[in-house]
Amino acid sequence: MANRESALVEITPEVLLKAYACGIFPMAESADDPSIFWNEPEFRGIIPLERFHVPARLARTVRAEPFTIRIDHDFDGVLAGCAEPQPGRARTWINTRIRKLYRKLYDIGHCHSIEAYEDEKLVGGLYGVNLGYAFFGESMFHRSRDASKVALVHLVARLKAGGYKLLDTQYVTDHLRIFGAIEVPQIRYNKLLEAALVGEANLGALVSKKPLSGAEALARALA
């Protein structure tokens, strides 16, 4: 289900957080379209944290540490990367309004980025919204093979360390299925969301600047 909003309607960070708490999230038709619309899918993508899976080849890559992983070091760079065309994705839904809105969420501590660097160059990552014990993955990108996948492993390691209950992926793609992503009906999703919004997760475990080794991140993600 999608409801279109006028380009002139102001959406504040507070309104956006309330929407997430109701199971709704915004998108745009394209980067050039100034309007946004609200989404409330009948089937929602999630990665059950207790069933998170890492393929053997990727596990070897995580342990080898080809990337330096950082948290909230270059949020704007991750937004820009996610807005770039990707293989199989010629158009992006991240327009200027979306960028500004999520930057405001980042400024108040409700949005985070996980970044992968190669020789100090940002080559992949992801960002998402943090609310209660839920993390809503918004978008990911890569410029080097496996960069976004390694970032996801590190994210899950920190979500588990912080006691998170729900990792929302909005939709399920082939890219996410390898990690155990599934679709759940809206009614079940709403129950999972309701339970995850009671209390507040340990944000420090998510945003801590202390680096995790690849082996430790993998062990925590699969625990």
N, C-alpha and C. Protein backbone atom coordinates (compact mmCIF):
# COMPACT_ATOMS: atom_id res chain seq x y z
N MET A 1 0.85 -1.19 0.00
CA MET A 1 0.00 0.00 0.00
C MET A 1 0.88 1.24 0.00
N ALA A 2 0.56 2.21 -0.85
CA ALA A 2 1.36 3.43 -0.93
C ALA A 2 0.43 4.64 -1.00
N ASN A 3 0.76 5.67 -0.25
CA ASN A 3 0.00 6.91 -0.26
C ASN A 3 0.92 8.05 -0.63
N ARG A 4 0.56 8.77 -1.71
CA ARG A 4 1.42 9.84 -2.21
C ARG A 4 1.20 11.12 -1.42
N GLU A 5 2.31 11.81 -1.16
CA GLU A 5 2.28 13.09 -0.48
C GLU A 5 2.69 14.20 -1.46
N SER A 6 2.11 15.37 -1.29
CA SER A 6 2.50 16.51 -2.10
C SER A 6 3.93 16.90 -1.80
N ALA A 7 4.59 17.46 -2.82
CA ALA A 7 5.96 17.94 -2.63
C ALA A 7 6.01 19.07 -1.62
N LEU A 8 4.87 19.72 -1.35
CA LEU A 8 4.84 20.87 -0.46
C LEU A 8 4.59 20.48 0.99
N VAL A 9 4.21 19.26 1.26
CA VAL A 9 3.91 18.83 2.62
C VAL A 9 5.21 18.64 3.39
N GLU A 10 5.33 19.30 4.54
CA GLU A 10 6.54 19.17 5.34
C GLU A 10 6.47 17.92 6.19
N ILE A 11 7.55 17.17 6.19
CA ILE A 11 7.65 15.99 7.05
C ILE A 11 8.84 16.22 7.97
N THR A 12 8.57 16.28 9.25
CA THR A 12 9.62 16.51 10.23
C THR A 12 10.21 15.18 10.69
N PRO A 13 11.37 15.21 11.32
CA PRO A 13 11.92 13.97 11.88
C PRO A 13 10.96 13.31 12.87
N GLU A 14 10.24 14.11 13.64
CA GLU A 14 9.30 13.57 14.61
C GLU A 14 8.16 12.83 13.92
N VAL A 15 7.66 13.40 12.84
CA VAL A 15 6.60 12.74 12.07
C VAL A 15 7.13 11.44 11.46
N LEU A 16 8.37 11.48 10.97
CA LEU A 16 8.96 10.30 10.36
C LEU A 16 9.11 9.16 11.38
N LEU A 17 9.55 9.48 12.59
CA LEU A 17 9.70 8.46 13.62
C LEU A 17 8.34 7.87 14.01
N LYS A 18 7.32 8.70 14.06
CA LYS A 18 5.97 8.19 14.35
C LYS A 18 5.50 7.25 13.24
N ALA A 19 5.85 7.59 12.00
CA ALA A 19 5.48 6.73 10.88
C ALA A 19 6.16 5.36 11.01
N TYR A 20 7.45 5.36 11.34
CA TYR A 20 8.16 4.10 11.52
C TYR A 20 7.53 3.27 12.63
N ALA A 21 7.11 3.94 13.69
CA ALA A 21 6.50 3.24 14.81
C ALA A 21 5.16 2.62 14.42
N CYS A 22 4.58 3.11 13.34
CA CYS A 22 3.32 2.56 12.83
C CYS A 22 3.54 1.59 11.66
N GLY A 23 4.80 1.32 11.32
CA GLY A 23 5.09 0.39 10.24
C GLY A 23 5.06 1.01 8.86
N ILE A 24 5.27 2.32 8.78
CA ILE A 24 5.19 3.05 7.50
C ILE A 24 6.54 3.71 7.24
N PHE A 25 6.96 3.75 5.98
CA PHE A 25 8.22 4.41 5.63
C PHE A 25 8.05 5.15 4.31
N PRO A 26 8.86 6.20 4.07
CA PRO A 26 8.73 7.01 2.85
C PRO A 26 9.67 6.58 1.74
N MET A 27 9.27 6.86 0.50
CA MET A 27 10.12 6.67 -0.66
C MET A 27 9.77 7.75 -1.68
N ALA A 28 10.61 7.87 -2.69
CA ALA A 28 10.33 8.76 -3.82
C ALA A 28 10.39 7.93 -5.09
N GLU A 29 9.71 8.38 -6.13
CA GLU A 29 9.73 7.65 -7.40
C GLU A 29 11.11 7.64 -8.02
N SER A 30 11.83 8.76 -7.87
CA SER A 30 13.18 8.86 -8.42
C SER A 30 13.90 10.00 -7.73
N ALA A 31 15.19 10.11 -7.97
CA ALA A 31 15.98 11.17 -7.36
C ALA A 31 15.53 12.55 -7.82
N ASP A 32 14.92 12.62 -9.01
CA ASP A 32 14.50 13.91 -9.56
C ASP A 32 13.08 14.29 -9.18
N ASP A 33 12.33 13.38 -8.58
CA ASP A 33 10.94 13.65 -8.21
C ASP A 33 10.92 14.28 -6.82
N PRO A 34 10.40 15.51 -6.67
CA PRO A 34 10.42 16.18 -5.36
C PRO A 34 9.40 15.61 -4.37
N SER A 35 8.42 14.85 -4.85
CA SER A 35 7.40 14.32 -3.95
C SER A 35 7.84 13.00 -3.34
N ILE A 36 7.17 12.63 -2.27
CA ILE A 36 7.42 11.33 -1.65
C ILE A 36 6.09 10.63 -1.45
N PHE A 37 6.16 9.33 -1.19
CA PHE A 37 4.93 8.61 -0.86
C PHE A 37 5.21 7.66 0.29
N TRP A 38 4.18 7.36 1.05
CA TRP A 38 4.30 6.47 2.21
C TRP A 38 4.03 5.04 1.80
N ASN A 39 4.82 4.13 2.32
CA ASN A 39 4.69 2.71 2.03
C ASN A 39 4.30 1.93 3.28
N GLU A 40 3.37 1.01 3.11
CA GLU A 40 2.98 0.08 4.17
C GLU A 40 2.72 -1.27 3.50
N PRO A 41 3.80 -2.01 3.18
CA PRO A 41 3.66 -3.24 2.40
C PRO A 41 2.80 -4.29 3.10
N GLU A 42 2.08 -5.06 2.31
CA GLU A 42 1.29 -6.15 2.86
C GLU A 42 2.19 -7.26 3.37
N PHE A 43 3.38 -7.40 2.75
CA PHE A 43 4.38 -8.34 3.23
C PHE A 43 5.68 -7.57 3.44
N ARG A 44 6.25 -7.73 4.63
CA ARG A 44 7.42 -6.93 5.02
C ARG A 44 8.66 -7.80 5.08
N GLY A 45 9.77 -7.26 4.62
CA GLY A 45 11.04 -7.97 4.69
C GLY A 45 11.71 -7.77 6.04
N ILE A 46 12.16 -8.86 6.64
CA ILE A 46 12.93 -8.79 7.87
C ILE A 46 14.06 -9.82 7.80
N ILE A 47 15.09 -9.61 8.60
CA ILE A 47 16.10 -10.64 8.82
C ILE A 47 15.98 -11.05 10.28
N PRO A 48 15.45 -12.23 10.57
CA PRO A 48 15.40 -12.68 11.96
C PRO A 48 16.82 -12.77 12.53
N LEU A 49 17.11 -11.98 13.54
CA LEU A 49 18.48 -11.90 14.04
C LEU A 49 18.98 -13.24 14.57
N GLU A 50 18.06 -14.03 15.12
CA GLU A 50 18.47 -15.32 15.67
C GLU A 50 18.78 -16.34 14.57
N ARG A 51 18.41 -16.02 13.31
CA ARG A 51 18.66 -16.94 12.20
C ARG A 51 19.55 -16.30 11.14
N PHE A 52 20.31 -15.30 11.53
CA PHE A 52 21.20 -14.63 10.59
C PHE A 52 22.22 -15.62 10.04
N HIS A 53 22.40 -15.60 8.74
CA HIS A 53 23.27 -16.57 8.07
C HIS A 53 24.33 -15.85 7.25
N VAL A 54 25.54 -16.37 7.27
CA VAL A 54 26.63 -15.83 6.46
C VAL A 54 27.22 -16.97 5.63
N PRO A 55 27.15 -16.87 4.29
CA PRO A 55 27.74 -17.92 3.45
C PRO A 55 29.23 -18.09 3.73
N ALA A 56 29.73 -19.30 3.48
CA ALA A 56 31.11 -19.64 3.82
C ALA A 56 32.13 -18.71 3.15
N ARG A 57 31.91 -18.42 1.85
CA ARG A 57 32.88 -17.56 1.16
C ARG A 57 32.91 -16.17 1.77
N LEU A 58 31.73 -15.63 2.09
CA LEU A 58 31.68 -14.31 2.70
C LEU A 58 32.29 -14.33 4.10
N ALA A 59 32.07 -15.40 4.84
CA ALA A 59 32.66 -15.51 6.17
C ALA A 59 34.18 -15.41 6.09
N ARG A 60 34.77 -16.05 5.08
CA ARG A 60 36.23 -15.97 4.91
C ARG A 60 36.66 -14.54 4.61
N THR A 61 35.82 -13.84 3.81
CA THR A 61 36.14 -12.45 3.49
C THR A 61 36.07 -11.58 4.74
N VAL A 62 35.06 -11.78 5.56
CA VAL A 62 34.92 -10.99 6.80
C VAL A 62 36.14 -11.21 7.69
N ARG A 63 36.55 -12.45 7.85
CA ARG A 63 37.72 -12.75 8.69
C ARG A 63 39.00 -12.13 8.12
N ALA A 64 39.10 -12.07 6.80
CA ALA A 64 40.32 -11.55 6.16
C ALA A 64 40.46 -10.04 6.31
N GLU A 65 39.39 -9.36 6.65
CA GLU A 65 39.39 -7.92 6.90
C GLU A 65 39.94 -7.10 5.73
N PRO A 66 39.33 -7.22 4.54
CA PRO A 66 39.78 -6.41 3.42
C PRO A 66 39.37 -4.94 3.56
N PHE A 67 38.42 -4.68 4.47
CA PHE A 67 37.91 -3.32 4.64
C PHE A 67 38.08 -2.87 6.09
N THR A 68 38.25 -1.58 6.25
CA THR A 68 38.16 -0.96 7.57
C THR A 68 36.70 -0.56 7.77
N ILE A 69 36.08 -1.03 8.84
CA ILE A 69 34.67 -0.74 9.09
C ILE A 69 34.56 0.36 10.14
N ARG A 70 33.79 1.37 9.82
CA ARG A 70 33.57 2.48 10.74
C ARG A 70 32.07 2.74 10.90
N ILE A 71 31.72 3.35 12.02
CA ILE A 71 30.33 3.64 12.35
C ILE A 71 30.14 5.15 12.41
N ASP A 72 29.19 5.67 11.66
CA ASP A 72 28.84 7.10 11.72
C ASP A 72 30.03 8.01 11.46
N HIS A 73 30.93 7.59 10.59
CA HIS A 73 32.10 8.40 10.27
C HIS A 73 31.83 9.33 9.09
N ASP A 74 31.02 8.88 8.12
CA ASP A 74 30.70 9.69 6.95
C ASP A 74 29.28 9.37 6.50
N PHE A 75 28.32 9.80 7.29
CA PHE A 75 26.92 9.51 6.99
C PHE A 75 26.50 10.09 5.64
N ASP A 76 26.92 11.32 5.36
CA ASP A 76 26.56 11.94 4.08
C ASP A 76 27.16 11.17 2.91
N GLY A 77 28.36 10.64 3.08
CA GLY A 77 28.98 9.85 2.02
C GLY A 77 28.21 8.57 1.74
N VAL A 78 27.69 7.95 2.80
CA VAL A 78 26.89 6.74 2.62
C VAL A 78 25.58 7.07 1.92
N LEU A 79 24.94 8.17 2.33
CA LEU A 79 23.71 8.59 1.65
C LEU A 79 23.96 8.80 0.16
N ALA A 80 25.05 9.48 -0.16
CA ALA A 80 25.38 9.73 -1.56
C ALA A 80 25.64 8.42 -2.30
N GLY A 81 26.34 7.50 -1.66
CA GLY A 81 26.61 6.22 -2.28
C GLY A 81 25.34 5.43 -2.54
N CYS A 82 24.43 5.45 -1.58
CA CYS A 82 23.16 4.73 -1.74
C CYS A 82 22.29 5.34 -2.83
N ALA A 83 22.50 6.63 -3.10
CA ALA A 83 21.72 7.30 -4.14
C ALA A 83 22.28 7.06 -5.54
N GLU A 84 23.46 6.46 -5.63
CA GLU A 84 24.06 6.20 -6.93
C GLU A 84 23.38 5.01 -7.61
N PRO A 85 23.33 5.02 -8.94
CA PRO A 85 22.87 3.81 -9.65
C PRO A 85 23.77 2.64 -9.32
N GLN A 86 23.18 1.45 -9.20
CA GLN A 86 23.92 0.23 -8.90
C GLN A 86 23.59 -0.81 -9.97
N PRO A 87 24.40 -1.82 -10.10
CA PRO A 87 24.06 -2.89 -11.05
C PRO A 87 22.68 -3.46 -10.74
N GLY A 88 21.81 -3.44 -11.74
CA GLY A 88 20.44 -3.90 -11.54
C GLY A 88 19.53 -2.85 -10.95
N ARG A 89 20.05 -1.66 -10.70
CA ARG A 89 19.25 -0.57 -10.13
C ARG A 89 19.68 0.73 -10.79
N ALA A 90 19.08 1.01 -11.94
CA ALA A 90 19.46 2.20 -12.70
C ALA A 90 18.94 3.48 -12.07
N ARG A 91 17.80 3.37 -11.33
CA ARG A 91 17.21 4.56 -10.71
C ARG A 91 17.22 4.40 -9.20
N THR A 92 17.24 5.50 -8.52
CA THR A 92 17.22 5.49 -7.06
C THR A 92 15.98 6.21 -6.54
N TRP A 93 15.53 5.79 -5.36
CA TRP A 93 14.37 6.43 -4.74
C TRP A 93 14.79 7.53 -3.76
N ILE A 94 16.09 7.78 -3.65
CA ILE A 94 16.59 8.75 -2.66
C ILE A 94 16.69 10.12 -3.32
N ASN A 95 15.72 10.97 -3.05
CA ASN A 95 15.75 12.32 -3.61
C ASN A 95 16.29 13.30 -2.57
N THR A 96 16.30 14.58 -2.92
CA THR A 96 16.88 15.60 -2.03
C THR A 96 16.13 15.67 -0.71
N ARG A 97 14.81 15.56 -0.73
CA ARG A 97 14.03 15.61 0.51
C ARG A 97 14.38 14.44 1.41
N ILE A 98 14.52 13.26 0.83
CA ILE A 98 14.88 12.08 1.61
C ILE A 98 16.25 12.28 2.27
N ARG A 99 17.19 12.79 1.51
CA ARG A 99 18.53 13.01 2.06
C ARG A 99 18.49 13.97 3.25
N LYS A 100 17.79 15.08 3.09
CA LYS A 100 17.73 16.08 4.16
C LYS A 100 17.02 15.52 5.39
N LEU A 101 15.98 14.76 5.17
CA LEU A 101 15.19 14.23 6.27
C LEU A 101 16.00 13.23 7.09
N TYR A 102 16.70 12.32 6.41
CA TYR A 102 17.46 11.33 7.15
C TYR A 102 18.72 11.92 7.77
N ARG A 103 19.24 12.98 7.16
CA ARG A 103 20.35 13.68 7.80
C ARG A 103 19.90 14.28 9.13
N LYS A 104 18.67 14.80 9.18
CA LYS A 104 18.14 15.34 10.44
C LYS A 104 17.96 14.23 11.47
N LEU A 105 17.52 13.06 11.02
CA LEU A 105 17.40 11.93 11.94
C LEU A 105 18.78 11.54 12.49
N TYR A 106 19.78 11.59 11.62
CA TYR A 106 21.15 11.29 12.05
C TYR A 106 21.60 12.31 13.11
N ASP A 107 21.27 13.56 12.89
CA ASP A 107 21.69 14.62 13.81
C ASP A 107 21.10 14.43 15.20
N ILE A 108 19.93 13.81 15.31
CA ILE A 108 19.30 13.62 16.62
C ILE A 108 19.49 12.19 17.13
N GLY A 109 20.35 11.42 16.47
CA GLY A 109 20.73 10.11 16.98
C GLY A 109 19.81 8.96 16.61
N HIS A 110 18.93 9.15 15.63
CA HIS A 110 18.01 8.09 15.24
C HIS A 110 18.32 7.49 13.88
N CYS A 111 19.49 7.81 13.34
CA CYS A 111 19.89 7.21 12.07
C CYS A 111 21.40 6.97 12.14
N HIS A 112 21.84 5.85 11.58
CA HIS A 112 23.25 5.48 11.68
C HIS A 112 23.74 4.91 10.36
N SER A 113 25.04 5.03 10.14
CA SER A 113 25.66 4.45 8.95
C SER A 113 26.78 3.51 9.37
N ILE A 114 26.89 2.42 8.62
CA ILE A 114 27.99 1.46 8.77
C ILE A 114 28.78 1.55 7.47
N GLU A 115 30.08 1.82 7.56
CA GLU A 115 30.88 2.16 6.38
C GLU A 115 32.06 1.21 6.19
N ALA A 116 32.35 0.90 4.95
CA ALA A 116 33.50 0.06 4.60
C ALA A 116 34.49 0.91 3.80
N TYR A 117 35.75 0.91 4.25
CA TYR A 117 36.80 1.70 3.61
C TYR A 117 37.90 0.79 3.08
N GLU A 118 38.45 1.21 1.96
CA GLU A 118 39.58 0.52 1.34
C GLU A 118 40.64 1.59 1.07
N ASP A 119 41.76 1.50 1.78
CA ASP A 119 42.80 2.55 1.66
C ASP A 119 42.20 3.93 1.91
N GLU A 120 41.39 4.02 2.96
CA GLU A 120 40.76 5.27 3.38
C GLU A 120 39.73 5.80 2.38
N LYS A 121 39.35 5.01 1.42
CA LYS A 121 38.33 5.41 0.46
C LYS A 121 37.04 4.66 0.75
N LEU A 122 35.93 5.39 0.85
CA LEU A 122 34.64 4.78 1.12
C LEU A 122 34.20 3.94 -0.08
N VAL A 123 34.05 2.63 0.14
CA VAL A 123 33.73 1.73 -0.98
C VAL A 123 32.43 0.96 -0.76
N GLY A 124 31.73 1.24 0.32
CA GLY A 124 30.46 0.56 0.54
C GLY A 124 29.92 0.87 1.92
N GLY A 125 28.68 0.47 2.12
CA GLY A 125 28.08 0.69 3.44
C GLY A 125 26.57 0.64 3.38
N LEU A 126 25.97 1.01 4.49
CA LEU A 126 24.52 1.02 4.60
C LEU A 126 24.12 2.04 5.65
N TYR A 127 22.84 2.39 5.65
CA TYR A 127 22.32 3.27 6.71
C TYR A 127 20.91 2.83 7.07
N GLY A 128 20.49 3.22 8.26
CA GLY A 128 19.16 2.84 8.69
C GLY A 128 18.71 3.64 9.90
N VAL A 129 17.47 3.44 10.26
CA VAL A 129 16.82 4.17 11.35
C VAL A 129 16.78 3.31 12.60
N ASN A 130 17.10 3.93 13.72
CA ASN A 130 17.10 3.26 15.01
C ASN A 130 15.93 3.77 15.85
N LEU A 131 15.11 2.84 16.37
CA LEU A 131 13.97 3.23 17.19
C LEU A 131 13.65 2.09 18.14
N GLY A 132 13.74 2.34 19.44
CA GLY A 132 13.51 1.29 20.42
C GLY A 132 14.52 0.17 20.24
N TYR A 133 14.01 -1.06 20.15
CA TYR A 133 14.85 -2.22 19.90
C TYR A 133 14.77 -2.65 18.44
N ALA A 134 14.42 -1.72 17.56
CA ALA A 134 14.28 -2.02 16.14
C ALA A 134 15.29 -1.20 15.34
N PHE A 135 15.83 -1.82 14.29
CA PHE A 135 16.67 -1.12 13.33
C PHE A 135 16.06 -1.33 11.96
N PHE A 136 15.79 -0.22 11.27
CA PHE A 136 15.14 -0.26 9.97
C PHE A 136 16.19 0.02 8.89
N GLY A 137 16.65 -1.03 8.22
CA GLY A 137 17.64 -0.85 7.17
C GLY A 137 17.02 -0.12 5.98
N GLU A 138 17.66 0.96 5.57
CA GLU A 138 17.11 1.78 4.50
C GLU A 138 17.71 1.47 3.13
N SER A 139 19.02 1.48 3.05
CA SER A 139 19.65 1.25 1.74
C SER A 139 21.11 0.88 1.97
N MET A 140 21.70 0.22 0.96
CA MET A 140 23.11 -0.14 1.02
C MET A 140 23.72 0.01 -0.36
N PHE A 141 25.04 0.12 -0.41
CA PHE A 141 25.71 0.28 -1.70
C PHE A 141 27.10 -0.32 -1.61
N HIS A 142 27.69 -0.59 -2.77
CA HIS A 142 29.07 -1.05 -2.79
C HIS A 142 29.76 -0.56 -4.06
N ARG A 143 31.02 -0.24 -3.91
CA ARG A 143 31.89 0.08 -5.04
C ARG A 143 33.00 -0.96 -5.18
N SER A 144 33.16 -1.76 -4.14
CA SER A 144 34.08 -2.91 -4.17
C SER A 144 33.29 -4.14 -3.77
N ARG A 145 33.66 -5.26 -4.36
CA ARG A 145 32.94 -6.50 -4.11
C ARG A 145 32.84 -6.81 -2.62
N ASP A 146 31.64 -7.14 -2.16
CA ASP A 146 31.34 -7.59 -0.81
C ASP A 146 31.38 -6.47 0.23
N ALA A 147 31.64 -5.24 -0.15
CA ALA A 147 31.78 -4.17 0.85
C ALA A 147 30.49 -3.98 1.66
N SER A 148 29.35 -3.94 0.97
CA SER A 148 28.09 -3.74 1.69
C SER A 148 27.72 -4.97 2.51
N LYS A 149 28.08 -6.15 2.03
CA LYS A 149 27.77 -7.39 2.76
C LYS A 149 28.58 -7.47 4.05
N VAL A 150 29.85 -7.09 3.98
CA VAL A 150 30.68 -7.08 5.19
C VAL A 150 30.14 -6.05 6.18
N ALA A 151 29.70 -4.90 5.67
CA ALA A 151 29.11 -3.88 6.54
C ALA A 151 27.87 -4.42 7.24
N LEU A 152 27.07 -5.21 6.54
CA LEU A 152 25.87 -5.78 7.14
C LEU A 152 26.22 -6.76 8.26
N VAL A 153 27.25 -7.56 8.06
CA VAL A 153 27.69 -8.48 9.12
C VAL A 153 28.09 -7.70 10.36
N HIS A 154 28.82 -6.62 10.18
CA HIS A 154 29.22 -5.79 11.31
C HIS A 154 28.02 -5.13 11.97
N LEU A 155 27.04 -4.72 11.18
CA LEU A 155 25.82 -4.15 11.75
C LEU A 155 25.13 -5.18 12.64
N VAL A 156 24.93 -6.37 12.14
CA VAL A 156 24.22 -7.40 12.90
C VAL A 156 24.99 -7.72 14.18
N ALA A 157 26.31 -7.75 14.12
CA ALA A 157 27.10 -7.99 15.33
C ALA A 157 26.78 -6.96 16.39
N ARG A 158 26.67 -5.71 16.00
CA ARG A 158 26.40 -4.65 16.95
C ARG A 158 24.93 -4.64 17.39
N LEU A 159 24.03 -5.00 16.50
CA LEU A 159 22.62 -5.09 16.89
C LEU A 159 22.44 -6.17 17.96
N LYS A 160 23.09 -7.31 17.77
CA LYS A 160 22.98 -8.38 18.76
C LYS A 160 23.62 -7.96 20.09
N ALA A 161 24.76 -7.28 20.00
CA ALA A 161 25.41 -6.82 21.22
C ALA A 161 24.53 -5.81 21.96
N GLY A 162 23.73 -5.06 21.23
CA GLY A 162 22.88 -4.04 21.83
C GLY A 162 21.50 -4.52 22.23
N GLY A 163 21.21 -5.81 22.02
CA GLY A 163 19.93 -6.35 22.44
C GLY A 163 18.76 -6.04 21.51
N TYR A 164 19.05 -5.77 20.26
CA TYR A 164 17.98 -5.45 19.31
C TYR A 164 17.11 -6.68 19.04
N LYS A 165 15.84 -6.42 18.73
CA LYS A 165 14.87 -7.49 18.51
C LYS A 165 14.39 -7.59 17.06
N LEU A 166 14.52 -6.51 16.30
CA LEU A 166 13.96 -6.49 14.95
C LEU A 166 14.92 -5.81 13.98
N LEU A 167 15.24 -6.51 12.89
CA LEU A 167 15.99 -5.91 11.78
C LEU A 167 15.07 -5.91 10.57
N ASP A 168 14.55 -4.75 10.25
CA ASP A 168 13.60 -4.55 9.17
C ASP A 168 14.37 -4.25 7.89
N THR A 169 14.07 -4.97 6.80
CA THR A 169 14.71 -4.70 5.51
C THR A 169 13.73 -4.12 4.49
N GLN A 170 12.51 -3.85 4.91
CA GLN A 170 11.44 -3.33 4.07
C GLN A 170 10.98 -4.35 3.04
N TYR A 171 11.87 -4.70 2.13
CA TYR A 171 11.57 -5.71 1.12
C TYR A 171 12.65 -6.79 1.15
N VAL A 172 12.42 -7.89 0.48
CA VAL A 172 13.40 -8.97 0.39
C VAL A 172 13.95 -9.03 -1.02
N THR A 173 15.27 -9.02 -1.13
CA THR A 173 15.95 -9.13 -2.42
C THR A 173 16.83 -10.39 -2.39
N ASP A 174 17.31 -10.80 -3.56
CA ASP A 174 18.23 -11.93 -3.62
C ASP A 174 19.48 -11.65 -2.79
N HIS A 175 19.90 -10.38 -2.79
CA HIS A 175 21.07 -9.95 -2.03
C HIS A 175 20.87 -10.23 -0.54
N LEU A 176 19.64 -10.04 -0.04
CA LEU A 176 19.36 -10.21 1.38
C LEU A 176 18.97 -11.63 1.76
N ARG A 177 18.47 -12.38 0.80
CA ARG A 177 18.06 -13.77 1.10
C ARG A 177 19.22 -14.61 1.58
N ILE A 178 20.42 -14.33 1.09
CA ILE A 178 21.56 -15.15 1.49
C ILE A 178 21.85 -14.99 2.98
N PHE A 179 21.35 -13.91 3.59
CA PHE A 179 21.55 -13.69 5.02
C PHE A 179 20.39 -14.23 5.86
N GLY A 180 19.37 -14.77 5.19
CA GLY A 180 18.21 -15.30 5.91
C GLY A 180 17.00 -14.41 5.91
N ALA A 181 16.97 -13.39 5.04
CA ALA A 181 15.83 -12.49 4.97
C ALA A 181 14.57 -13.24 4.55
N ILE A 182 13.44 -12.89 5.16
CA ILE A 182 12.16 -13.51 4.85
C ILE A 182 11.09 -12.43 4.76
N GLU A 183 9.98 -12.77 4.17
CA GLU A 183 8.81 -11.90 4.15
C GLU A 183 7.83 -12.37 5.21
N VAL A 184 7.24 -11.42 5.92
CA VAL A 184 6.21 -11.76 6.90
C VAL A 184 4.97 -10.93 6.60
N PRO A 185 3.76 -11.48 6.85
CA PRO A 185 2.54 -10.72 6.62
C PRO A 185 2.50 -9.48 7.52
N GLN A 186 1.77 -8.49 7.06
CA GLN A 186 1.70 -7.23 7.77
C GLN A 186 1.26 -7.40 9.23
N ILE A 187 0.29 -8.26 9.47
CA ILE A 187 -0.22 -8.42 10.84
C ILE A 187 0.86 -8.99 11.76
N ARG A 188 1.66 -9.92 11.24
CA ARG A 188 2.76 -10.46 12.07
C ARG A 188 3.85 -9.42 12.26
N TYR A 189 4.15 -8.69 11.19
CA TYR A 189 5.17 -7.65 11.30
C TYR A 189 4.78 -6.63 12.37
N ASN A 190 3.52 -6.23 12.38
CA ASN A 190 3.08 -5.22 13.35
C ASN A 190 3.25 -5.70 14.78
N LYS A 191 3.06 -7.00 15.01
CA LYS A 191 3.25 -7.56 16.35
C LYS A 191 4.73 -7.54 16.72
N LEU A 192 5.60 -7.90 15.76
CA LEU A 192 7.04 -7.86 16.01
C LEU A 192 7.50 -6.43 16.29
N LEU A 193 6.96 -5.50 15.53
CA LEU A 193 7.32 -4.09 15.69
C LEU A 193 6.86 -3.57 17.05
N GLU A 194 5.63 -3.89 17.43
CA GLU A 194 5.10 -3.44 18.71
C GLU A 194 5.98 -3.91 19.87
N ALA A 195 6.41 -5.18 19.80
CA ALA A 195 7.27 -5.71 20.86
C ALA A 195 8.64 -5.04 20.87
N ALA A 196 9.15 -4.69 19.69
CA ALA A 196 10.49 -4.11 19.59
C ALA A 196 10.53 -2.65 20.02
N LEU A 197 9.39 -2.01 20.10
CA LEU A 197 9.37 -0.59 20.46
C LEU A 197 9.22 -0.35 21.95
N VAL A 198 9.11 -1.42 22.72
CA VAL A 198 9.00 -1.30 24.18
C VAL A 198 10.41 -1.21 24.76
N GLY A 199 10.75 -0.05 25.30
CA GLY A 199 12.08 0.14 25.86
C GLY A 199 13.04 0.75 24.86
N GLU A 200 14.30 0.74 25.22
CA GLU A 200 15.33 1.37 24.37
C GLU A 200 16.55 0.47 24.34
N ALA A 201 17.02 0.16 23.15
CA ALA A 201 18.19 -0.70 23.01
C ALA A 201 19.45 0.03 23.45
N ASN A 202 20.51 -0.72 23.58
CA ASN A 202 21.80 -0.17 23.98
C ASN A 202 22.46 0.49 22.77
N LEU A 203 22.20 1.77 22.59
CA LEU A 203 22.75 2.47 21.44
C LEU A 203 24.28 2.46 21.46
N GLY A 204 24.86 2.47 22.63
CA GLY A 204 26.31 2.50 22.72
C GLY A 204 26.95 1.33 22.02
N ALA A 205 26.28 0.18 22.06
CA ALA A 205 26.83 -1.01 21.40
C ALA A 205 26.80 -0.85 19.89
N LEU A 206 25.85 -0.06 19.39
CA LEU A 206 25.75 0.14 17.95
C LEU A 206 26.73 1.20 17.46
N VAL A 207 26.83 2.32 18.16
CA VAL A 207 27.57 3.45 17.63
C VAL A 207 28.98 3.57 18.21
N SER A 208 29.38 2.63 19.05
CA SER A 208 30.71 2.66 19.62
C SER A 208 31.76 2.76 18.52
N LYS A 209 32.73 3.62 18.72
CA LYS A 209 33.80 3.80 17.72
C LYS A 209 34.87 2.72 17.84
N LYS A 210 34.81 1.89 18.89
CA LYS A 210 35.80 0.84 19.05
C LYS A 210 35.67 -0.17 17.91
N PRO A 211 36.74 -0.43 17.17
CA PRO A 211 36.65 -1.36 16.04
C PRO A 211 36.50 -2.80 16.49
N LEU A 212 35.74 -3.56 15.73
CA LEU A 212 35.64 -5.00 15.93
C LEU A 212 36.50 -5.69 14.89
N SER A 213 37.21 -6.71 15.28
CA SER A 213 37.94 -7.49 14.29
C SER A 213 36.93 -8.24 13.44
N GLY A 214 37.35 -8.69 12.27
CA GLY A 214 36.46 -9.45 11.42
C GLY A 214 35.98 -10.72 12.10
N ALA A 215 36.89 -11.41 12.76
CA ALA A 215 36.54 -12.66 13.43
C ALA A 215 35.53 -12.41 14.55
N GLU A 216 35.74 -11.33 15.33
CA GLU A 216 34.81 -11.04 16.41
C GLU A 216 33.45 -10.63 15.88
N ALA A 217 33.43 -9.81 14.82
CA ALA A 217 32.16 -9.40 14.23
C ALA A 217 31.39 -10.60 13.74
N LEU A 218 32.07 -11.52 13.09
CA LEU A 218 31.41 -12.71 12.57
C LEU A 218 30.86 -13.57 13.71
N ALA A 219 31.67 -13.75 14.74
CA ALA A 219 31.23 -14.56 15.88
C ALA A 219 30.01 -13.95 16.55
N ARG A 220 30.01 -12.64 16.74
CA ARG A 220 28.87 -11.97 17.37
C ARG A 220 27.64 -12.02 16.49
N ALA A 221 27.82 -11.86 15.18
CA ALA A 221 26.69 -11.86 14.26
C ALA A 221 26.01 -13.22 14.21
N LEU A 222 26.80 -14.28 14.38
CA LEU A 222 26.26 -15.64 14.27
C LEU A 222 25.90 -16.25 15.62
N ALA A 223 26.16 -15.51 16.70
CA ALA A 223 25.90 -16.06 18.04
C ALA A 223 24.41 -16.28 18.27
